[in-house]
């Protein structure tokens, strides 16, 4: 048996039918100039104060998590948002 090789002929894809439009497309609007967003100071800077060249921390740090994790001050307690440590304030 002999196999005959056939050449692949390019297939023309049918063109989509053009739909009539009522009006020509409107020109795109010019973009308004962008303004820079005013960024607020990072909230972590509110936890520290520099006095005479030394850094003083304004809030207590978590005894479980260590340095850099501060306790949130509530009405009657101090809590850590990372590990859940809670200490109650004395009346």
N, C-alpha and C. Protein backbone atom coordinates (compact mmCIF):
# COMPACT_ATOMS: atom_id res chain seq x y z
N UNK A 1 0.83 -1.17 0.00
CA UNK A 1 0.00 0.00 0.00
C UNK A 1 0.88 1.23 0.00
N UNK A 2 0.55 2.11 -0.81
CA UNK A 2 1.31 3.36 -0.85
C UNK A 2 0.42 4.49 -0.35
N UNK A 3 1.00 5.28 0.57
CA UNK A 3 0.25 6.40 1.14
C UNK A 3 0.51 7.64 0.31
N UNK A 4 -0.53 8.27 -0.06
CA UNK A 4 -0.37 9.50 -0.84
C UNK A 4 -0.44 10.70 0.10
N UNK A 5 0.49 11.61 -0.08
CA UNK A 5 0.51 12.82 0.73
C UNK A 5 -0.32 13.89 0.05
N UNK A 6 -1.19 14.49 0.82
CA UNK A 6 -2.01 15.55 0.27
C UNK A 6 -1.54 16.88 0.85
N UNK A 7 -1.51 17.85 0.01
CA UNK A 7 -1.09 19.17 0.46
C UNK A 7 -2.27 19.86 1.13
N UNK A 8 -1.97 20.55 2.24
CA UNK A 8 -3.03 21.27 2.96
C UNK A 8 -3.31 22.57 2.24
N UNK A 9 -4.56 22.80 1.94
CA UNK A 9 -4.94 24.02 1.27
C UNK A 9 -5.41 25.02 2.31
N UNK A 10 -5.02 26.28 2.19
CA UNK A 10 -5.48 27.27 3.16
C UNK A 10 -6.99 27.44 3.05
N UNK A 11 -7.62 27.52 4.21
CA UNK A 11 -9.07 27.67 4.26
C UNK A 11 -9.38 29.13 4.56
N UNK A 12 -10.19 29.71 3.69
CA UNK A 12 -10.61 31.10 3.90
C UNK A 12 -11.76 31.11 4.88
N UNK A 13 -11.58 31.85 5.99
CA UNK A 13 -12.66 31.94 6.96
C UNK A 13 -13.70 32.94 6.45
N UNK A 14 -14.96 32.65 6.63
CA UNK A 14 -15.99 33.57 6.14
C UNK A 14 -15.93 34.88 6.92
N UNK A 15 -16.13 35.96 6.23
CA UNK A 15 -16.10 37.28 6.86
C UNK A 15 -17.44 37.54 7.52
N UNK A 16 -17.42 38.13 8.74
CA UNK A 16 -18.70 38.41 9.39
C UNK A 16 -19.46 39.49 8.62
N UNK A 17 -20.75 39.34 8.63
CA UNK A 17 -21.59 40.31 7.92
C UNK A 17 -21.51 41.65 8.62
N UNK A 18 -21.36 42.68 7.83
CA UNK A 18 -21.28 44.01 8.40
C UNK A 18 -22.68 44.48 8.77
N UNK A 19 -22.78 45.00 9.99
CA UNK A 19 -24.07 45.51 10.44
C UNK A 19 -24.11 47.01 10.23
N UNK A 20 -25.15 47.52 9.66
CA UNK A 20 -25.23 48.97 9.45
C UNK A 20 -25.40 49.69 10.80
N UNK A 21 -24.72 50.81 10.94
CA UNK A 21 -24.82 51.59 12.16
C UNK A 21 -25.65 52.84 11.89
N UNK A 22 -26.34 53.28 12.90
CA UNK A 22 -27.21 54.45 12.75
C UNK A 22 -26.39 55.73 12.65
N UNK A 23 -25.33 55.83 13.49
CA UNK A 23 -24.52 57.03 13.49
C UNK A 23 -23.06 56.62 13.60
N UNK A 24 -22.16 57.43 13.11
CA UNK A 24 -20.75 57.09 13.24
C UNK A 24 -20.33 57.12 14.72
N UNK A 25 -19.32 56.36 15.06
CA UNK A 25 -18.86 56.28 16.45
C UNK A 25 -18.35 57.64 16.91
N UNK A 26 -18.71 58.00 18.15
CA UNK A 26 -18.29 59.28 18.71
C UNK A 26 -16.81 59.22 19.08
N UNK A 27 -16.16 60.34 19.03
CA UNK A 27 -14.74 60.40 19.38
C UNK A 27 -14.60 60.17 20.88
N UNK A 28 -13.55 59.45 21.32
CA UNK A 28 -13.38 59.22 22.76
C UNK A 28 -13.10 60.53 23.50
N UNK A 29 -13.62 60.60 24.73
CA UNK A 29 -13.44 61.81 25.54
C UNK A 29 -12.00 61.87 26.04
N UNK A 30 -11.51 63.06 26.16
CA UNK A 30 -10.17 63.26 26.69
C UNK A 30 -10.18 63.00 28.19
N UNK A 31 -9.19 62.28 28.66
CA UNK A 31 -9.11 61.96 30.09
C UNK A 31 -8.73 63.20 30.89
N UNK A 32 -9.35 63.33 32.05
CA UNK A 32 -9.04 64.45 32.93
C UNK A 32 -7.65 64.23 33.53
N UNK A 33 -6.91 65.29 33.78
CA UNK A 33 -5.58 65.12 34.38
C UNK A 33 -5.70 64.52 35.78
N UNK A 34 -4.84 63.58 36.07
CA UNK A 34 -4.89 62.90 37.38
C UNK A 34 -4.20 63.74 38.44
N UNK A 35 -4.77 63.68 39.63
CA UNK A 35 -4.14 64.36 40.75
C UNK A 35 -3.56 63.32 41.68
N UNK A 36 -2.51 63.66 42.37
CA UNK A 36 -1.89 62.73 43.30
C UNK A 36 -2.75 62.60 44.55
N UNK A 37 -2.89 61.37 45.01
CA UNK A 37 -3.67 61.11 46.20
C UNK A 37 -2.84 61.51 47.42
N UNK A 38 -3.45 62.27 48.32
CA UNK A 38 -2.76 62.68 49.53
C UNK A 38 -2.72 61.49 50.47
N UNK A 39 -1.55 61.09 50.86
CA UNK A 39 -1.40 59.93 51.73
C UNK A 39 -1.23 60.38 53.17
N UNK A 40 -1.91 59.67 54.05
CA UNK A 40 -1.80 59.96 55.46
C UNK A 40 -0.53 59.32 56.01
N UNK A 41 -0.07 59.85 57.11
CA UNK A 41 1.10 59.30 57.76
C UNK A 41 0.76 57.92 58.30
N UNK A 42 1.69 57.01 58.21
CA UNK A 42 1.45 55.64 58.67
C UNK A 42 1.11 55.65 60.16
N UNK A 43 0.09 54.86 60.56
CA UNK A 43 -0.33 54.88 61.97
C UNK A 43 0.73 54.35 62.93
N UNK A 44 1.71 53.60 62.44
CA UNK A 44 2.72 53.05 63.34
C UNK A 44 3.59 54.18 63.92
N UNK A 45 3.69 55.29 63.24
CA UNK A 45 4.49 56.40 63.75
C UNK A 45 3.84 57.09 64.95
N UNK A 46 2.58 56.79 65.21
CA UNK A 46 1.90 57.37 66.36
C UNK A 46 2.23 56.62 67.65
N UNK A 47 2.91 55.47 67.54
CA UNK A 47 3.24 54.66 68.71
C UNK A 47 4.61 54.99 69.29
N UNK A 48 5.39 55.82 68.62
CA UNK A 48 6.74 56.14 69.04
C UNK A 48 6.94 57.65 69.14
N UNK A 49 7.86 58.06 70.04
CA UNK A 49 8.28 59.46 70.16
C UNK A 49 9.78 59.45 70.36
N UNK A 50 10.47 60.35 69.70
CA UNK A 50 11.93 60.44 69.86
C UNK A 50 12.22 61.58 70.83
N UNK A 51 12.85 61.23 71.95
CA UNK A 51 13.23 62.24 72.95
C UNK A 51 14.72 62.12 73.21
N UNK A 52 15.42 63.23 73.01
CA UNK A 52 16.87 63.33 73.21
C UNK A 52 17.63 62.17 72.56
N UNK A 53 17.26 61.85 71.32
CA UNK A 53 17.99 60.84 70.57
C UNK A 53 17.59 59.40 70.89
N UNK A 54 16.66 59.19 71.79
CA UNK A 54 16.22 57.84 72.13
C UNK A 54 14.75 57.67 71.76
N UNK A 55 14.38 56.45 71.38
CA UNK A 55 13.01 56.16 71.00
C UNK A 55 12.23 55.75 72.23
N UNK A 56 11.09 56.41 72.42
CA UNK A 56 10.22 56.07 73.55
C UNK A 56 8.91 55.52 72.99
N UNK A 57 8.48 54.38 73.49
CA UNK A 57 7.23 53.77 73.04
C UNK A 57 6.07 54.30 73.87
N UNK A 58 4.98 54.68 73.20
CA UNK A 58 3.84 55.26 73.89
C UNK A 58 2.86 54.20 74.40
N UNK A 59 2.84 53.03 73.80
CA UNK A 59 1.93 51.97 74.21
C UNK A 59 2.72 50.79 74.75
N UNK A 60 2.04 49.95 75.54
CA UNK A 60 2.69 48.76 76.08
C UNK A 60 2.82 47.72 74.98
N UNK A 61 3.88 46.91 75.07
CA UNK A 61 4.09 45.84 74.11
C UNK A 61 3.57 44.52 74.67
N UNK A 62 3.21 43.61 73.78
CA UNK A 62 2.68 42.31 74.17
C UNK A 62 3.81 41.46 74.77
N UNK A 63 3.60 40.88 75.98
CA UNK A 63 4.65 40.05 76.57
C UNK A 63 4.83 38.71 75.84
N UNK A 64 3.82 38.22 75.13
CA UNK A 64 3.94 36.97 74.38
C UNK A 64 4.60 37.18 73.02
N UNK A 65 4.15 38.18 72.29
CA UNK A 65 4.61 38.40 70.91
C UNK A 65 5.97 39.10 70.86
N UNK A 66 6.24 39.95 71.84
CA UNK A 66 7.54 40.62 71.87
C UNK A 66 7.50 42.01 71.28
N UNK A 67 8.68 42.47 70.90
CA UNK A 67 8.84 43.85 70.43
C UNK A 67 8.12 44.09 69.12
N UNK A 68 7.51 45.26 69.01
CA UNK A 68 6.85 45.67 67.78
C UNK A 68 5.37 45.35 67.73
N UNK A 69 4.85 44.56 68.68
CA UNK A 69 3.42 44.25 68.73
C UNK A 69 2.86 44.94 69.95
N UNK A 70 1.96 45.89 69.73
CA UNK A 70 1.45 46.70 70.82
C UNK A 70 0.09 46.20 71.28
N UNK A 71 -0.24 46.51 72.53
CA UNK A 71 -1.53 46.15 73.11
C UNK A 71 -2.53 47.27 72.85
N UNK A 72 -3.73 46.88 72.43
CA UNK A 72 -4.80 47.85 72.22
C UNK A 72 -5.39 48.23 73.56
N UNK A 73 -5.66 49.50 73.74
CA UNK A 73 -6.20 49.98 75.01
C UNK A 73 -7.71 50.10 74.91
N UNK A 74 -8.40 49.29 75.72
CA UNK A 74 -9.85 49.36 75.82
C UNK A 74 -10.21 50.03 77.14
N UNK A 75 -11.49 50.16 77.38
CA UNK A 75 -11.96 50.84 78.59
C UNK A 75 -11.49 50.14 79.86
N UNK A 76 -11.56 48.80 79.87
CA UNK A 76 -11.24 48.06 81.08
C UNK A 76 -10.12 47.03 80.91
N UNK A 77 -9.48 46.98 79.73
CA UNK A 77 -8.47 45.95 79.50
C UNK A 77 -7.48 46.37 78.41
N UNK A 78 -6.38 45.65 78.33
CA UNK A 78 -5.40 45.78 77.26
C UNK A 78 -5.38 44.45 76.52
N UNK A 79 -5.47 44.48 75.19
CA UNK A 79 -5.50 43.24 74.42
C UNK A 79 -4.53 43.28 73.26
N UNK A 80 -4.03 42.09 72.90
CA UNK A 80 -3.15 41.94 71.75
C UNK A 80 -3.99 41.44 70.59
N UNK A 81 -3.92 42.10 69.45
CA UNK A 81 -4.69 41.69 68.29
C UNK A 81 -4.08 40.52 67.56
N UNK A 82 -2.82 40.23 67.84
CA UNK A 82 -2.15 39.14 67.13
C UNK A 82 -2.37 37.79 67.81
N UNK A 83 -2.12 37.72 69.12
CA UNK A 83 -2.21 36.43 69.82
C UNK A 83 -3.41 36.32 70.76
N UNK A 84 -4.09 37.44 71.06
CA UNK A 84 -5.27 37.38 71.91
C UNK A 84 -4.98 37.58 73.39
N UNK A 85 -3.74 37.88 73.74
CA UNK A 85 -3.38 38.12 75.15
C UNK A 85 -4.23 39.27 75.68
N UNK A 86 -4.75 39.11 76.90
CA UNK A 86 -5.59 40.14 77.55
C UNK A 86 -5.14 40.35 78.97
N UNK A 87 -4.98 41.59 79.35
CA UNK A 87 -4.73 41.91 80.75
C UNK A 87 -5.75 42.98 81.15
N UNK A 88 -6.36 42.78 82.29
CA UNK A 88 -7.40 43.68 82.76
C UNK A 88 -6.78 44.81 83.58
N UNK A 89 -7.33 46.01 83.41
CA UNK A 89 -6.88 47.16 84.18
C UNK A 89 -7.44 47.07 85.59
N UNK A 90 -6.67 47.54 86.55
CA UNK A 90 -7.14 47.56 87.93
C UNK A 90 -7.99 48.79 88.14
N UNK A 91 -9.03 48.63 88.95
CA UNK A 91 -9.96 49.74 89.22
C UNK A 91 -9.43 50.70 90.20
